[in-house]
């Protein structure tokens, strides 16, 4: 999760840099929207992986 949080922080820094650089709203949206979508997909995948791992641990403990 730490890597995903860092990627989110990089997105925020990129958005601030683009906005300050006066590239305009359209260009900043063009750069940031795919990055935010990628970040959300990574976060969701990581959360699902953690849930599946916890389920496997629980099954193993019950069968033992």
N, C-alpha and C. Protein backbone atom coordinates (compact mmCIF):
# COMPACT_ATOMS: atom_id res chain seq x y z
N UNK A 1 0.82 -1.20 0.00
CA UNK A 1 0.00 0.00 0.00
C UNK A 1 0.86 1.26 0.00
N UNK A 2 2.07 1.14 0.54
CA UNK A 2 2.93 2.32 0.60
C UNK A 2 3.28 2.82 -0.79
N UNK A 3 3.52 1.89 -1.71
CA UNK A 3 3.85 2.28 -3.08
C UNK A 3 2.69 2.96 -3.77
N UNK A 4 1.48 2.50 -3.49
CA UNK A 4 0.30 3.10 -4.11
C UNK A 4 0.07 4.50 -3.55
N UNK A 5 0.31 4.68 -2.27
CA UNK A 5 0.18 6.02 -1.69
C UNK A 5 1.21 6.97 -2.28
N UNK A 6 2.42 6.47 -2.48
CA UNK A 6 3.46 7.32 -3.08
C UNK A 6 3.09 7.69 -4.51
N UNK A 7 2.51 6.76 -5.25
CA UNK A 7 2.08 7.06 -6.62
C UNK A 7 0.99 8.13 -6.60
N UNK A 8 0.07 8.05 -5.63
CA UNK A 8 -0.96 9.07 -5.49
C UNK A 8 -0.36 10.43 -5.18
N UNK A 9 0.67 10.44 -4.34
CA UNK A 9 1.35 11.69 -4.03
C UNK A 9 2.03 12.27 -5.27
N UNK A 10 2.61 11.40 -6.09
CA UNK A 10 3.24 11.87 -7.32
C UNK A 10 2.20 12.47 -8.27
N UNK A 11 1.00 11.89 -8.31
CA UNK A 11 -0.07 12.44 -9.14
C UNK A 11 -0.44 13.84 -8.67
N UNK A 12 -0.57 14.01 -7.36
CA UNK A 12 -0.92 15.32 -6.81
C UNK A 12 0.17 16.35 -7.13
N UNK A 13 1.42 15.95 -6.98
CA UNK A 13 2.52 16.87 -7.28
C UNK A 13 2.53 17.22 -8.77
N UNK A 14 2.26 16.23 -9.62
CA UNK A 14 2.20 16.50 -11.05
C UNK A 14 1.07 17.46 -11.38
N UNK A 15 -0.09 17.27 -10.77
CA UNK A 15 -1.22 18.16 -11.01
C UNK A 15 -0.89 19.59 -10.59
N UNK A 16 -0.28 19.75 -9.44
CA UNK A 16 0.10 21.09 -8.99
C UNK A 16 1.12 21.71 -9.94
N UNK A 17 2.09 20.91 -10.38
CA UNK A 17 3.10 21.42 -11.31
C UNK A 17 2.51 21.84 -12.65
N UNK A 18 1.60 21.06 -13.16
CA UNK A 18 0.97 21.40 -14.44
C UNK A 18 0.12 22.66 -14.30
N UNK A 19 -0.61 22.76 -13.19
CA UNK A 19 -1.45 23.92 -12.97
C UNK A 19 -0.60 25.18 -12.80
N UNK A 20 0.47 25.08 -12.04
CA UNK A 20 1.34 26.23 -11.84
C UNK A 20 2.04 26.61 -13.15
N UNK A 21 2.34 25.63 -13.96
CA UNK A 21 3.04 25.89 -15.21
C UNK A 21 2.17 26.53 -16.28
N UNK A 22 0.91 26.76 -15.99
CA UNK A 22 -0.02 27.43 -16.90
C UNK A 22 -0.22 26.69 -18.23
N UNK A 23 -0.27 25.37 -18.15
CA UNK A 23 -0.56 24.61 -19.36
C UNK A 23 -2.04 24.64 -19.69
N UNK A 24 -2.83 25.00 -18.73
CA UNK A 24 -4.26 25.09 -18.95
C UNK A 24 -5.00 23.88 -18.41
N UNK A 25 -6.28 24.05 -18.27
CA UNK A 25 -7.12 23.01 -17.69
C UNK A 25 -7.21 21.78 -18.57
N UNK A 26 -7.30 21.97 -19.87
CA UNK A 26 -7.45 20.83 -20.78
C UNK A 26 -6.21 19.94 -20.75
N UNK A 27 -5.04 20.52 -20.83
CA UNK A 27 -3.80 19.74 -20.84
C UNK A 27 -3.59 19.06 -19.49
N UNK A 28 -3.87 19.76 -18.40
CA UNK A 28 -3.70 19.13 -17.09
C UNK A 28 -4.68 17.97 -16.92
N UNK A 29 -5.90 18.11 -17.43
CA UNK A 29 -6.87 17.03 -17.39
C UNK A 29 -6.41 15.86 -18.26
N UNK A 30 -5.83 16.17 -19.39
CA UNK A 30 -5.33 15.15 -20.30
C UNK A 30 -4.23 14.31 -19.67
N UNK A 31 -3.37 14.93 -18.88
CA UNK A 31 -2.30 14.20 -18.21
C UNK A 31 -2.76 13.49 -16.95
N UNK A 32 -3.60 14.12 -16.17
CA UNK A 32 -3.91 13.63 -14.83
C UNK A 32 -5.01 12.56 -14.82
N UNK A 33 -6.00 12.66 -15.65
CA UNK A 33 -7.11 11.69 -15.63
C UNK A 33 -6.65 10.25 -15.82
N UNK A 34 -5.81 9.96 -16.81
CA UNK A 34 -5.35 8.57 -16.91
C UNK A 34 -4.53 8.12 -15.71
N UNK A 35 -3.75 9.04 -15.13
CA UNK A 35 -2.95 8.68 -13.97
C UNK A 35 -3.83 8.38 -12.76
N UNK A 36 -4.86 9.18 -12.56
CA UNK A 36 -5.78 8.94 -11.45
C UNK A 36 -6.52 7.63 -11.65
N UNK A 37 -6.92 7.35 -12.88
CA UNK A 37 -7.59 6.08 -13.18
C UNK A 37 -6.67 4.91 -12.90
N UNK A 38 -5.42 5.01 -13.31
CA UNK A 38 -4.44 3.96 -13.04
C UNK A 38 -4.25 3.78 -11.54
N UNK A 39 -4.16 4.87 -10.81
CA UNK A 39 -3.97 4.80 -9.36
C UNK A 39 -5.16 4.11 -8.69
N UNK A 40 -6.37 4.44 -9.10
CA UNK A 40 -7.55 3.80 -8.52
C UNK A 40 -7.58 2.31 -8.84
N UNK A 41 -7.20 1.93 -10.05
CA UNK A 41 -7.15 0.52 -10.40
C UNK A 41 -6.11 -0.23 -9.57
N UNK A 42 -4.94 0.36 -9.38
CA UNK A 42 -3.91 -0.27 -8.56
C UNK A 42 -4.36 -0.40 -7.11
N UNK A 43 -4.99 0.63 -6.59
CA UNK A 43 -5.46 0.61 -5.21
C UNK A 43 -6.51 -0.48 -5.02
N UNK A 44 -7.44 -0.59 -5.96
CA UNK A 44 -8.50 -1.59 -5.88
C UNK A 44 -7.92 -2.99 -5.99
N UNK A 45 -6.96 -3.19 -6.88
CA UNK A 45 -6.34 -4.50 -7.05
C UNK A 45 -5.57 -4.90 -5.79
N UNK A 46 -4.87 -3.96 -5.20
CA UNK A 46 -4.12 -4.24 -3.98
C UNK A 46 -5.06 -4.60 -2.83
N UNK A 47 -6.18 -3.90 -2.72
CA UNK A 47 -7.16 -4.17 -1.67
C UNK A 47 -7.74 -5.57 -1.86
N UNK A 48 -8.06 -5.94 -3.10
CA UNK A 48 -8.60 -7.28 -3.36
C UNK A 48 -7.57 -8.36 -3.04
N UNK A 49 -6.30 -8.10 -3.33
CA UNK A 49 -5.25 -9.06 -3.03
C UNK A 49 -5.13 -9.27 -1.52
N UNK A 50 -5.23 -8.20 -0.76
CA UNK A 50 -5.14 -8.32 0.70
C UNK A 50 -6.33 -9.10 1.25
N UNK A 51 -7.51 -8.87 0.73
CA UNK A 51 -8.71 -9.59 1.19
C UNK A 51 -8.58 -11.07 0.88
N UNK A 52 -8.12 -11.40 -0.32
CA UNK A 52 -7.96 -12.81 -0.70
C UNK A 52 -6.91 -13.49 0.16
N UNK A 53 -5.83 -12.80 0.49
CA UNK A 53 -4.80 -13.35 1.36
C UNK A 53 -5.36 -13.65 2.74
N UNK A 54 -6.16 -12.73 3.28
CA UNK A 54 -6.77 -12.95 4.59
C UNK A 54 -7.72 -14.14 4.57
N UNK A 55 -8.46 -14.32 3.47
CA UNK A 55 -9.37 -15.46 3.35
C UNK A 55 -8.58 -16.77 3.32
N UNK A 56 -7.46 -16.80 2.61
CA UNK A 56 -6.65 -18.00 2.54
C UNK A 56 -6.07 -18.34 3.91
N UNK A 57 -5.62 -17.35 4.63
CA UNK A 57 -5.09 -17.58 5.98
C UNK A 57 -6.19 -18.14 6.88
N UNK A 58 -7.38 -17.58 6.77
CA UNK A 58 -8.50 -18.04 7.60
C UNK A 58 -8.85 -19.48 7.26
N UNK A 59 -8.89 -19.84 5.99
CA UNK A 59 -9.19 -21.23 5.59
C UNK A 59 -8.14 -22.19 6.11
N UNK A 60 -6.89 -21.78 6.03
CA UNK A 60 -5.80 -22.63 6.49
C UNK A 60 -5.90 -22.87 8.01
N UNK A 61 -6.24 -21.84 8.75
CA UNK A 61 -6.34 -21.97 10.20
C UNK A 61 -7.51 -22.84 10.60
N UNK A 62 -8.60 -22.80 9.83
CA UNK A 62 -9.77 -23.63 10.15
C UNK A 62 -9.46 -25.10 9.88
N UNK A 63 -8.79 -25.41 8.77
CA UNK A 63 -8.51 -26.81 8.40
C UNK A 63 -7.42 -27.43 9.27
N UNK A 64 -6.56 -26.65 9.87
CA UNK A 64 -5.45 -27.19 10.66
C UNK A 64 -5.91 -27.76 11.97
